[in-house]
Amino acid sequence: MKQIAITLLLAAGLSARLAAQTEDLPFVIGEVFDDHKRDVVRAGQKTAAESVSNAAFATSQGLKTAEGIHFIAASQIELGNRFALAMIKLCKQNATSKE
């Protein structure tokens, strides 16, 4: 199961890179909510982010849901902030490595 999650995430990220015609397009993987039922998927997400160059991971730690699946509005905003910070960090790393 973990390998399937990793494969699907990598396929999505690499597909975006292919569509953009660039091998180093940065992408961020957002963590699904931790309800202790998706541990395999969450582990796959982390592994995928660590396995591919120019990829990052946005954690959902500490965020809240309304019914155990979907994030409440405040948590969606916070996860978006985490995505943005991860992308900014990737872009800064890229700018530094090209100097």
PDB file of N, CA and C in Angstrom:
ATOM      1  N   MET A   1       0.819  -1.194   0.000  1.00  0.00           N
ATOM      2  CA  MET A   1       0.000   0.000   0.000  1.00  0.00           C
ATOM      3  C   MET A   1       0.864   1.260   0.000  1.00  0.00           C
ATOM      4  N   LYS A   2       1.915   1.279   0.845  1.00  0.00           N
ATOM      5  CA  LYS A   2       2.790   2.447   0.893  1.00  0.00           C
ATOM      6  C   LYS A   2       3.421   2.679  -0.476  1.00  0.00           C
ATOM      7  N   GLN A   3       3.854   1.618  -1.127  1.00  0.00           N
ATOM      8  CA  GLN A   3       4.491   1.760  -2.432  1.00  0.00           C
ATOM      9  C   GLN A   3       3.513   2.316  -3.464  1.00  0.00           C
ATOM     10  N   ILE A   4       2.258   1.926  -3.374  1.00  0.00           N
ATOM     11  CA  ILE A   4       1.243   2.455  -4.298  1.00  0.00           C
ATOM     12  C   ILE A   4       1.072   3.958  -4.078  1.00  0.00           C
ATOM     13  N   ALA A   5       1.002   4.373  -2.813  1.00  0.00           N
ATOM     14  CA  ALA A   5       0.859   5.805  -2.505  1.00  0.00           C
ATOM     15  C   ALA A   5       2.048   6.587  -3.031  1.00  0.00           C
ATOM     16  N   ILE A   6       3.250   6.069  -2.818  1.00  0.00           N
ATOM     17  CA  ILE A   6       4.454   6.740  -3.309  1.00  0.00           C
ATOM     18  C   ILE A   6       4.416   6.846  -4.825  1.00  0.00           C
ATOM     19  N   THR A   7       4.063   5.755  -5.485  1.00  0.00           N
ATOM     20  CA  THR A   7       4.020   5.727  -6.949  1.00  0.00           C
ATOM     21  C   THR A   7       3.021   6.736  -7.500  1.00  0.00           C
ATOM     22  N   LEU A   8       1.837   6.807  -6.903  1.00  0.00           N
ATOM     23  CA  LEU A   8       0.823   7.748  -7.380  1.00  0.00           C
ATOM     24  C   LEU A   8       1.256   9.196  -7.184  1.00  0.00           C
ATOM     25  N   LEU A   9       1.848   9.493  -6.042  1.00  0.00           N
ATOM     26  CA  LEU A   9       2.306  10.862  -5.784  1.00  0.00           C
ATOM     27  C   LEU A   9       3.439  11.250  -6.729  1.00  0.00           C
ATOM     28  N   LEU A  10       4.367  10.334  -6.920  1.00  0.00           N
ATOM     29  CA  LEU A  10       5.468  10.623  -7.836  1.00  0.00           C
ATOM     30  C   LEU A  10       4.946  10.800  -9.256  1.00  0.00           C
ATOM     31  N   ALA A  11       3.993   9.979  -9.645  1.00  0.00           N
ATOM     32  CA  ALA A  11       3.416  10.093 -10.988  1.00  0.00           C
ATOM     33  C   ALA A  11       2.763  11.452 -11.183  1.00  0.00           C
ATOM     34  N   ALA A  12       2.049  11.926 -10.175  1.00  0.00           N
ATOM     35  CA  ALA A  12       1.388  13.231 -10.280  1.00  0.00           C
ATOM     36  C   ALA A  12       2.413  14.350 -10.409  1.00  0.00           C
ATOM     37  N   GLY A  13       3.428  14.322  -9.581  1.00  0.00           N
ATOM     38  CA  GLY A  13       4.458  15.360  -9.636  1.00  0.00           C
ATOM     39  C   GLY A  13       5.259  15.313 -10.918  1.00  0.00           C
ATOM     40  N   LEU A  14       5.627  14.127 -11.330  1.00  0.00           N
ATOM     41  CA  LEU A  14       6.416  13.991 -12.548  1.00  0.00           C
ATOM     42  C   LEU A  14       5.586  14.296 -13.783  1.00  0.00           C
ATOM     43  N   SER A  15       4.291  14.005 -13.730  1.00  0.00           N
ATOM     44  CA  SER A  15       3.390  14.339 -14.835  1.00  0.00           C
ATOM     45  C   SER A  15       3.308  15.859 -15.004  1.00  0.00           C
ATOM     46  N   ALA A  16       3.241  16.576 -13.896  1.00  0.00           N
ATOM     47  CA  ALA A  16       3.219  18.043 -13.961  1.00  0.00           C
ATOM     48  C   ALA A  16       4.514  18.562 -14.560  1.00  0.00           C
ATOM     49  N   ARG A  17       5.619  17.945 -14.190  1.00  0.00           N
ATOM     50  CA  ARG A  17       6.907  18.355 -14.755  1.00  0.00           C
ATOM     51  C   ARG A  17       6.950  18.106 -16.261  1.00  0.00           C
ATOM     52  N   LEU A  18       6.413  16.982 -16.664  1.00  0.00           N
ATOM     53  CA  LEU A  18       6.384  16.652 -18.091  1.00  0.00           C
ATOM     54  C   LEU A  18       5.508  17.644 -18.851  1.00  0.00           C
ATOM     55  N   ALA A  19       4.338  17.947 -18.305  1.00  0.00           N
ATOM     56  CA  ALA A  19       3.427  18.887 -18.954  1.00  0.00           C
ATOM     57  C   ALA A  19       4.054  20.275 -19.070  1.00  0.00           C
ATOM     58  N   ALA A  20       4.843  20.657 -18.081  1.00  0.00           N
ATOM     59  CA  ALA A  20       5.503  21.964 -18.095  1.00  0.00           C
ATOM     60  C   ALA A  20       6.805  21.925 -18.896  1.00  0.00           C
ATOM     61  N   GLN A  21       7.169  20.744 -19.347  1.00  0.00           N
ATOM     62  CA  GLN A  21       8.392  20.523 -20.121  1.00  0.00           C
ATOM     63  C   GLN A  21       9.642  20.968 -19.365  1.00  0.00           C
ATOM     64  N   THR A  22       9.661  20.632 -18.080  1.00  0.00           N
ATOM     65  CA  THR A  22      10.838  20.918 -17.265  1.00  0.00           C
ATOM     66  C   THR A  22      11.043  19.781 -16.278  1.00  0.00           C
ATOM     67  N   GLU A  23      12.278  19.384 -16.118  1.00  0.00           N
ATOM     68  CA  GLU A  23      12.592  18.270 -15.221  1.00  0.00           C
ATOM     69  C   GLU A  23      12.679  18.691 -13.761  1.00  0.00           C
ATOM     70  N   ASP A  24      12.813  19.988 -13.508  1.00  0.00           N
ATOM     71  CA  ASP A  24      13.028  20.421 -12.140  1.00  0.00           C
ATOM     72  C   ASP A  24      11.921  21.319 -11.592  1.00  0.00           C
ATOM     73  N   LEU A  25      10.728  21.210 -12.170  1.00  0.00           N
ATOM     74  CA  LEU A  25       9.595  21.980 -11.663  1.00  0.00           C
ATOM     75  C   LEU A  25       9.374  21.632 -10.191  1.00  0.00           C
ATOM     76  N   PRO A  26       9.411  22.614  -9.302  1.00  0.00           N
ATOM     77  CA  PRO A  26       9.204  22.304  -7.885  1.00  0.00           C
ATOM     78  C   PRO A  26       7.747  21.941  -7.610  1.00  0.00           C
ATOM     79  N   PHE A  27       7.539  21.010  -6.699  1.00  0.00           N
ATOM     80  CA  PHE A  27       6.171  20.715  -6.266  1.00  0.00           C
ATOM     81  C   PHE A  27       6.148  20.334  -4.803  1.00  0.00           C
ATOM     82  N   VAL A  28       4.999  20.586  -4.183  1.00  0.00           N
ATOM     83  CA  VAL A  28       4.814  20.344  -2.755  1.00  0.00           C
ATOM     84  C   VAL A  28       3.710  19.316  -2.576  1.00  0.00           C
ATOM     85  N   ILE A  29       3.971  18.352  -1.721  1.00  0.00           N
ATOM     86  CA  ILE A  29       2.976  17.328  -1.381  1.00  0.00           C
ATOM     87  C   ILE A  29       2.375  17.699  -0.031  1.00  0.00           C
ATOM     88  N   GLY A  30       1.044  17.817   0.021  1.00  0.00           N
ATOM     89  CA  GLY A  30       0.350  18.145   1.266  1.00  0.00           C
ATOM     90  C   GLY A  30      -0.122  16.888   1.973  1.00  0.00           C
ATOM     91  N   GLU A  31       0.144  16.826   3.241  1.00  0.00           N
ATOM     92  CA  GLU A  31      -0.181  15.648   4.046  1.00  0.00           C
ATOM     93  C   GLU A  31      -1.684  15.519   4.292  1.00  0.00           C
ATOM     94  N   VAL A  32      -2.202  14.301   4.139  1.00  0.00           N
ATOM     95  CA  VAL A  32      -3.597  14.045   4.497  1.00  0.00           C
ATOM     96  C   VAL A  32      -3.727  14.100   6.017  1.00  0.00           C
ATOM     97  N   PHE A  33      -4.953  14.297   6.498  1.00  0.00           N
ATOM     98  CA  PHE A  33      -5.202  14.407   7.929  1.00  0.00           C
ATOM     99  C   PHE A  33      -4.796  13.130   8.645  1.00  0.00           C
ATOM    100  N   ASP A  34      -4.193  13.296   9.823  1.00  0.00           N
ATOM    101  CA  ASP A  34      -3.725  12.165  10.621  1.00  0.00           C
ATOM    102  C   ASP A  34      -4.838  11.662  11.531  1.00  0.00           C
ATOM    103  N   ASP A  35      -5.591  10.678  11.037  1.00  0.00           N
ATOM    104  CA  ASP A  35      -6.625  10.059  11.856  1.00  0.00           C
ATOM    105  C   ASP A  35      -6.216   8.652  12.287  1.00  0.00           C
ATOM    106  N   HIS A  36      -4.957   8.336  12.107  1.00  0.00           N
ATOM    107  CA  HIS A  36      -4.362   7.037  12.439  1.00  0.00           C
ATOM    108  C   HIS A  36      -4.926   5.901  11.586  1.00  0.00           C
ATOM    109  N   LYS A  37      -5.625   6.248  10.511  1.00  0.00           N
ATOM    110  CA  LYS A  37      -6.117   5.251   9.569  1.00  0.00           C
ATOM    111  C   LYS A  37      -5.382   5.379   8.239  1.00  0.00           C
ATOM    112  N   ARG A  38      -4.639   6.448   8.078  1.00  0.00           N
ATOM    113  CA  ARG A  38      -3.949   6.707   6.810  1.00  0.00           C
ATOM    114  C   ARG A  38      -2.437   6.769   7.001  1.00  0.00           C
ATOM    115  N   ASP A  39      -1.927   6.056   7.986  1.00  0.00           N
ATOM    116  CA  ASP A  39      -0.502   6.107   8.285  1.00  0.00           C
ATOM    117  C   ASP A  39       0.351   5.669   7.091  1.00  0.00           C
ATOM    118  N   VAL A  40      -0.125   4.696   6.355  1.00  0.00           N
ATOM    119  CA  VAL A  40       0.620   4.215   5.189  1.00  0.00           C
ATOM    120  C   VAL A  40       0.672   5.289   4.108  1.00  0.00           C
ATOM    121  N   VAL A  41      -0.443   5.951   3.889  1.00  0.00           N
ATOM    122  CA  VAL A  41      -0.484   7.017   2.888  1.00  0.00           C
ATOM    123  C   VAL A  41       0.415   8.169   3.320  1.00  0.00           C
ATOM    124  N   ARG A  42       0.339   8.554   4.583  1.00  0.00           N
ATOM    125  CA  ARG A  42       1.159   9.654   5.087  1.00  0.00           C
ATOM    126  C   ARG A  42       2.641   9.319   4.970  1.00  0.00           C
ATOM    127  N   ALA A  43       2.999   8.082   5.284  1.00  0.00           N
ATOM    128  CA  ALA A  43       4.401   7.664   5.140  1.00  0.00           C
ATOM    129  C   ALA A  43       4.821   7.712   3.671  1.00  0.00           C
ATOM    130  N   GLY A  44       3.916   7.315   2.786  1.00  0.00           N
ATOM    131  CA  GLY A  44       4.201   7.372   1.354  1.00  0.00           C
ATOM    132  C   GLY A  44       4.379   8.802   0.878  1.00  0.00           C
ATOM    133  N   GLN A  45       3.584   9.706   1.406  1.00  0.00           N
ATOM    134  CA  GLN A  45       3.707  11.118   1.030  1.00  0.00           C
ATOM    135  C   GLN A  45       5.080  11.662   1.437  1.00  0.00           C
ATOM    136  N   LYS A  46       5.483  11.369   2.655  1.00  0.00           N
ATOM    137  CA  LYS A  46       6.780  11.848   3.134  1.00  0.00           C
ATOM    138  C   LYS A  46       7.917  11.250   2.314  1.00  0.00           C
ATOM    139  N   THR A  47       7.831   9.952   2.055  1.00  0.00           N
ATOM    140  CA  THR A  47       8.871   9.286   1.276  1.00  0.00           C
ATOM    141  C   THR A  47       8.951   9.850  -0.131  1.00  0.00           C
ATOM    142  N   ALA A  48       7.814  10.101  -0.739  1.00  0.00           N
ATOM    143  CA  ALA A  48       7.800  10.657  -2.096  1.00  0.00           C
ATOM    144  C   ALA A  48       8.467  12.026  -2.108  1.00  0.00           C
ATOM    145  N   ALA A  49       8.154  12.871  -1.141  1.00  0.00           N
ATOM    146  CA  ALA A  49       8.748  14.208  -1.085  1.00  0.00           C
ATOM    147  C   ALA A  49      10.256  14.145  -0.876  1.00  0.00           C
ATOM    148  N   GLU A  50      10.704  13.147  -0.123  1.00  0.00           N
ATOM    149  CA  GLU A  50      12.134  12.997   0.145  1.00  0.00           C
ATOM    150  C   GLU A  50      12.875  12.327  -1.011  1.00  0.00           C
ATOM    151  N   SER A  51      12.152  11.606  -1.859  1.00  0.00           N
ATOM    152  CA  SER A  51      12.772  10.794  -2.907  1.00  0.00           C
ATOM    153  C   SER A  51      13.001  11.531  -4.216  1.00  0.00           C
ATOM    154  N   VAL A  52      12.330  12.641  -4.400  1.00  0.00           N
ATOM    155  CA  VAL A  52      12.382  13.354  -5.664  1.00  0.00           C
ATOM    156  C   VAL A  52      13.065  14.695  -5.461  1.00  0.00           C
ATOM    157  N   SER A  53      13.915  15.053  -6.398  1.00  0.00           N
ATOM    158  CA  SER A  53      14.559  16.356  -6.295  1.00  0.00           C
ATOM    159  C   SER A  53      13.524  17.462  -6.463  1.00  0.00           C
ATOM    160  N   ASN A  54      13.768  18.544  -5.774  1.00  0.00           N
ATOM    161  CA  ASN A  54      12.943  19.739  -5.907  1.00  0.00           C
ATOM    162  C   ASN A  54      11.484  19.508  -5.493  1.00  0.00           C
ATOM    163  N   ALA A  55      11.299  18.666  -4.487  1.00  0.00           N
ATOM    164  CA  ALA A  55       9.963  18.408  -3.938  1.00  0.00           C
ATOM    165  C   ALA A  55      10.006  18.688  -2.437  1.00  0.00           C
ATOM    166  N   ALA A  56       8.865  19.060  -1.884  1.00  0.00           N
ATOM    167  CA  ALA A  56       8.780  19.351  -0.451  1.00  0.00           C
ATOM    168  C   ALA A  56       7.494  18.753   0.110  1.00  0.00           C
ATOM    169  N   PHE A  57       7.402  18.775   1.419  1.00  0.00           N
ATOM    170  CA  PHE A  57       6.281  18.177   2.141  1.00  0.00           C
ATOM    171  C   PHE A  57       5.658  19.217   3.060  1.00  0.00           C
ATOM    172  N   ALA A  58       4.346  19.393   2.981  1.00  0.00           N
ATOM    173  CA  ALA A  58       3.618  20.303   3.868  1.00  0.00           C
ATOM    174  C   ALA A  58       2.823  19.455   4.863  1.00  0.00           C
ATOM    175  N   THR A  59       3.201  19.520   6.115  1.00  0.00           N
ATOM    176  CA  THR A  59       2.559  18.704   7.141  1.00  0.00           C
ATOM    177  C   THR A  59       1.176  19.239   7.518  1.00  0.00           C
ATOM    178  N   SER A  60       0.315  18.330   7.941  1.00  0.00           N
ATOM    179  CA  SER A  60      -1.007  18.726   8.435  1.00  0.00           C
ATOM    180  C   SER A  60      -1.069  18.627   9.959  1.00  0.00           C
ATOM    181  N   GLN A  61       0.082  18.459  10.584  1.00  0.00           N
ATOM    182  CA  GLN A  61       0.135  18.313  12.041  1.00  0.00           C
ATOM    183  C   GLN A  61      -0.513  19.507  12.726  1.00  0.00           C
ATOM    184  N   GLY A  62      -1.401  19.215  13.669  1.00  0.00           N
ATOM    185  CA  GLY A  62      -2.052  20.254  14.446  1.00  0.00           C
ATOM    186  C   GLY A  62      -3.298  20.863  13.810  1.00  0.00           C
ATOM    187  N   LEU A  63      -3.611  20.453  12.577  1.00  0.00           N
ATOM    188  CA  LEU A  63      -4.789  20.996  11.903  1.00  0.00           C
ATOM    189  C   LEU A  63      -6.038  20.235  12.333  1.00  0.00           C
ATOM    190  N   LYS A  64      -7.199  20.852  12.148  1.00  0.00           N
ATOM    191  CA  LYS A  64      -8.461  20.256  12.599  1.00  0.00           C
ATOM    192  C   LYS A  64      -9.407  20.017  11.424  1.00  0.00           C
ATOM    193  N   THR A  65     -10.273  19.006  11.617  1.00  0.00           N
ATOM    194  CA  THR A  65     -11.296  18.708  10.620  1.00  0.00           C
ATOM    195  C   THR A  65     -12.673  18.852  11.248  1.00  0.00           C
ATOM    196  N   ALA A  66     -13.668  18.943  10.378  1.00  0.00           N
ATOM    197  CA  ALA A  66     -15.047  19.041  10.852  1.00  0.00           C
ATOM    198  C   ALA A  66     -15.603  17.663  11.163  1.00  0.00           C
ATOM    199  N   GLU A  67     -15.289  16.690  10.329  1.00  0.00           N
ATOM    200  CA  GLU A  67     -15.856  15.354  10.492  1.00  0.00           C
ATOM    201  C   GLU A  67     -14.804  14.258  10.395  1.00  0.00           C
ATOM    202  N   GLY A  68     -13.552  14.620  10.560  1.00  0.00           N
ATOM    203  CA  GLY A  68     -12.481  13.633  10.543  1.00  0.00           C
ATOM    204  C   GLY A  68     -11.822  13.434   9.196  1.00  0.00           C
ATOM    205  N   ILE A  69     -12.291  14.125   8.170  1.00  0.00           N
ATOM    206  CA  ILE A  69     -11.687  13.977   6.834  1.00  0.00           C
ATOM    207  C   ILE A  69     -11.300  15.331   6.263  1.00  0.00           C
ATOM    208  N   HIS A  70     -12.246  16.219   6.148  1.00  0.00           N
ATOM    209  CA  HIS A  70     -12.028  17.504   5.488  1.00  0.00           C
ATOM    210  C   HIS A  70     -11.628  18.566   6.506  1.00  0.00           C
ATOM    211  N   PHE A  71     -10.598  19.323   6.178  1.00  0.00           N
ATOM    212  CA  PHE A  71     -10.114  20.368   7.070  1.00  0.00           C
ATOM    213  C   PHE A  71     -11.142  21.491   7.189  1.00  0.00           C
ATOM    214  N   ILE A  72     -11.243  22.046   8.405  1.00  0.00           N
ATOM    215  CA  ILE A  72     -12.085  23.226   8.591  1.00  0.00           C
ATOM    216  C   ILE A  72     -11.410  24.407   7.882  1.00  0.00           C
ATOM    217  N   ALA A  73     -12.139  25.488   7.702  1.00  0.00           N
ATOM    218  CA  ALA A  73     -11.634  26.633   6.933  1.00  0.00           C
ATOM    219  C   ALA A  73     -10.293  27.144   7.457  1.00  0.00           C
ATOM    220  N   ALA A  74     -10.181  27.329   8.761  1.00  0.00           N
ATOM    221  CA  ALA A  74      -8.933  27.850   9.329  1.00  0.00           C
ATOM    222  C   ALA A  74      -7.767  26.907   9.053  1.00  0.00           C
ATOM    223  N   SER A  75      -8.014  25.610   9.097  1.00  0.00           N
ATOM    224  CA  SER A  75      -6.969  24.636   8.819  1.00  0.00           C
ATOM    225  C   SER A  75      -6.604  24.610   7.333  1.00  0.00           C
ATOM    226  N   GLN A  76      -7.587  24.814   6.464  1.00  0.00           N
ATOM    227  CA  GLN A  76      -7.298  24.903   5.027  1.00  0.00           C
ATOM    228  C   GLN A  76      -6.373  26.085   4.748  1.00  0.00           C
ATOM    229  N   ILE A  77      -6.662  27.198   5.397  1.00  0.00           N
ATOM    230  CA  ILE A  77      -5.828  28.389   5.212  1.00  0.00           C
ATOM    231  C   ILE A  77      -4.414  28.117   5.723  1.00  0.00           C
ATOM    232  N   GLU A  78      -4.317  27.510   6.885  1.00  0.00           N
ATOM    233  CA  GLU A  78      -3.001  27.202   7.452  1.00  0.00           C
ATOM    234  C   GLU A  78      -2.234  26.229   6.556  1.00  0.00           C
ATOM    235  N   LEU A  79      -2.915  25.211   6.038  1.00  0.00           N
ATOM    236  CA  LEU A  79      -2.236  24.266   5.141  1.00  0.00           C
ATOM    237  C   LEU A  79      -1.759  24.996   3.881  1.00  0.00           C
ATOM    238  N   GLY A  80      -2.565  25.923   3.383  1.00  0.00           N
ATOM    239  CA  GLY A  80      -2.149  26.735   2.235  1.00  0.00           C
ATOM    240  C   GLY A  80      -0.907  27.546   2.549  1.00  0.00           C
ATOM    241  N   ASN A  81      -0.849  28.106   3.760  1.00  0.00           N
ATOM    242  CA  ASN A  81       0.349  28.833   4.189  1.00  0.00           C
ATOM    243  C   ASN A  81       1.560  27.917   4.225  1.00  0.00           C
ATOM    244  N   ARG A  82       1.353  26.703   4.688  1.00  0.00           N
ATOM    245  CA  ARG A  82       2.465  25.739   4.752  1.00  0.00           C
ATOM    246  C   ARG A  82       2.932  25.346   3.353  1.00  0.00           C
ATOM    247  N   PHE A  83       1.980  25.194   2.426  1.00  0.00           N
ATOM    248  CA  PHE A  83       2.341  24.938   1.025  1.00  0.00           C
ATOM    249  C   PHE A  83       3.201  26.086   0.504  1.00  0.00           C
ATOM    250  N   ALA A  84       2.736  27.318   0.749  1.00  0.00           N
ATOM    251  CA  ALA A  84       3.445  28.497   0.243  1.00  0.00           C
ATOM    252  C   ALA A  84       4.851  28.588   0.821  1.00  0.00           C
ATOM    253  N   LEU A  85       4.995  28.374   2.117  1.00  0.00           N
ATOM    254  CA  LEU A  85       6.313  28.430   2.736  1.00  0.00           C
ATOM    255  C   LEU A  85       7.240  27.359   2.176  1.00  0.00           C
ATOM    256  N   ALA A  86       6.703  26.161   1.957  1.00  0.00           N
ATOM    257  CA  ALA A  86       7.523  25.085   1.380  1.00  0.00           C
ATOM    258  C   ALA A  86       7.951  25.444  -0.040  1.00  0.00           C
ATOM    259  N   MET A  87       7.056  26.042  -0.823  1.00  0.00           N
ATOM    260  CA  MET A  87       7.389  26.420  -2.192  1.00  0.00           C
ATOM    261  C   MET A  87       8.409  27.550  -2.205  1.00  0.00           C
ATOM    262  N   ILE A  88       8.248  28.521  -1.313  1.00  0.00           N
ATOM    263  CA  ILE A  88       9.214  29.619  -1.213  1.00  0.00           C
ATOM    264  C   ILE A  88      10.593  29.073  -0.870  1.00  0.00           C
ATOM    265  N   LYS A  89      10.636  28.133   0.061  1.00  0.00           N
ATOM    266  CA  LYS A  89      11.913  27.527   0.448  1.00  0.00           C
ATOM    267  C   LYS A  89      12.555  26.813  -0.745  1.00  0.00           C
ATOM    268  N   LEU A  90      11.756  26.070  -1.496  1.00  0.00           N
ATOM    269  CA  LEU A  90      12.289  25.396  -2.693  1.00  0.00           C
ATOM    270  C   LEU A  90      12.832  26.409  -3.696  1.00  0.00           C
ATOM    271  N   CYS A  91      12.096  27.473  -3.926  1.00  0.00           N
ATOM    272  CA  CYS A  91      12.519  28.492  -4.896  1.00  0.00           C
ATOM    273  C   CYS A  91      13.802  29.177  -4.451  1.00  0.00           C
ATOM    274  N   LYS A  92      13.917  29.460  -3.156  1.00  0.00           N
ATOM    275  CA  LYS A  92      15.144  30.072  -2.638  1.00  0.00           C
ATOM    276  C   LYS A  92      16.323  29.125  -2.788  1.00  0.00           C
ATOM    277  N   GLN A  93      16.101  27.840  -2.528  1.00  0.00           N
ATOM    278  CA  GLN A  93      17.177  26.861  -2.693  1.00  0.00           C
ATOM    279  C   GLN A  93      17.619  26.805  -4.148  1.00  0.00           C
ATOM    280  N   ASN A  94      16.660  26.853  -5.049  1.00  0.00           N
ATOM    281  CA  ASN A  94      16.976  26.822  -6.470  1.00  0.00           C
ATOM    282  C   ASN A  94      17.769  28.060  -6.894  1.00  0.00           C
ATOM    283  N   ALA A  95      17.353  29.218  -6.388  1.00  0.00           N
ATOM    284  CA  ALA A  95      18.044  30.464  -6.740  1.00  0.00           C
ATOM    285  C   ALA A  95      19.472  30.447  -6.222  1.00  0.00           C
ATOM    286  N   THR A  96      19.660  29.931  -5.004  1.00  0.00           N
ATOM    287  CA  THR A  96      20.982  29.860  -4.409  1.00  0.00           C
ATOM    288  C   THR A  96      21.884  28.887  -5.165  1.00  0.00           C
ATOM    289  N   SER A  97      21.312  27.752  -5.579  1.00  0.00           N
ATOM    290  CA  SER A  97      22.118  26.739  -6.264  1.00  0.00           C
ATOM    291  C   SER A  97      22.507  27.159  -7.678  1.00  0.00           C
ATOM    292  N   LYS A  98      21.784  28.112  -8.262  1.00  0.00           N
ATOM    293  CA  LYS A  98      22.089  28.561  -9.625  1.00  0.00           C
ATOM    294  C   LYS A  98      23.074  29.722  -9.647  1.00  0.00           C
ATOM    295  N   GLU A  99      23.384  30.282  -8.473  1.00  0.00           N
ATOM    296  CA  GLU A  99      24.306  31.422  -8.424  1.00  0.00           C
ATOM    297  C   GLU A  99      25.736  30.975  -8.566  1.00  0.00           C
TER     298      GLU A  99
END
